[in-house]
Amino acid sequence: MVIAQGGLLSHGSIIAREYGIPTVVNVGPATRLLRTGDTLEVNGDQGTVRILSRPD
């Protein structure tokens, strides 16, 4: 998951951690760069999000 606002103790972060879902939080306006259908690489350990591909 990529979350614009929040922290390690926000609801979304806690639920993602419970289910083992990689999550990066507090990315702010960077979410505006993402589009529906983008394939992302989310590295929760490093706190990075990378766009791998976009739909045509």
Protein backbone atom coordinates (compact mmCIF):
# COMPACT_ATOMS: atom_id res chain seq x y z
CA MET A 1 0.00 0.00 0.00
CA VAL A 2 1.06 3.57 -0.59
CA ILE A 3 -0.50 6.01 1.88
CA ALA A 4 -0.29 9.80 1.50
CA GLN A 5 -0.56 10.63 5.22
CA GLY A 6 0.03 8.66 8.36
CA GLY A 7 2.70 6.93 10.33
CA LEU A 8 3.78 3.58 11.69
CA LEU A 9 0.90 3.56 14.17
CA SER A 10 -1.86 4.69 11.78
CA HIS A 11 -4.76 2.30 11.24
CA GLY A 12 -3.73 1.43 7.67
CA SER A 13 -0.15 0.70 8.72
CA ILE A 14 -1.23 -1.57 11.55
CA ILE A 15 -3.63 -3.57 9.37
CA ALA A 16 -1.06 -3.88 6.57
CA ARG A 17 1.54 -5.13 9.04
CA GLU A 18 -0.92 -7.71 10.43
CA TYR A 19 -1.46 -9.11 6.92
CA GLY A 20 2.17 -8.79 5.80
CA ILE A 21 1.35 -6.22 3.10
CA PRO A 22 4.33 -4.01 2.14
CA THR A 23 3.41 -0.40 2.92
CA VAL A 24 5.01 3.02 2.55
CA VAL A 25 3.32 5.84 4.46
CA ASN A 26 3.49 9.63 4.58
CA VAL A 27 4.45 10.07 0.92
CA GLY A 28 2.35 13.23 0.66
CA PRO A 29 1.78 14.71 -2.80
CA ALA A 30 3.94 12.01 -4.43
CA THR A 31 0.72 9.97 -4.76
CA ARG A 32 -0.30 12.40 -7.53
CA LEU A 33 2.31 10.73 -9.74
CA LEU A 34 0.49 7.39 -9.52
CA ARG A 35 -2.29 6.38 -11.91
CA THR A 36 -4.91 3.66 -11.77
CA GLY A 37 -3.46 0.55 -13.37
CA ASP A 38 0.19 1.34 -12.61
CA THR A 39 2.31 -1.65 -11.61
CA LEU A 40 4.36 -0.66 -8.57
CA GLU A 41 7.23 -2.03 -6.56
CA VAL A 42 6.65 -1.15 -2.90
CA ASN A 43 9.60 -1.69 -0.56
CA GLY A 44 8.35 -1.20 2.99
CA ASP A 45 11.79 -1.85 4.49
CA GLN A 46 13.45 0.95 2.53
CA GLY A 47 10.38 3.18 2.24
CA THR A 48 10.49 3.34 -1.55
CA VAL A 49 7.87 3.13 -4.28
CA ARG A 50 8.84 2.58 -7.91
CA ILE A 51 6.58 2.64 -10.96
CA LEU A 52 7.44 -0.48 -12.98
CA SER A 53 4.94 -0.05 -15.82
CA ARG A 54 1.92 1.91 -16.92
CA PRO A 55 -1.06 0.69 -18.96
CA ASP A 56 -1.08 1.77 -22.62
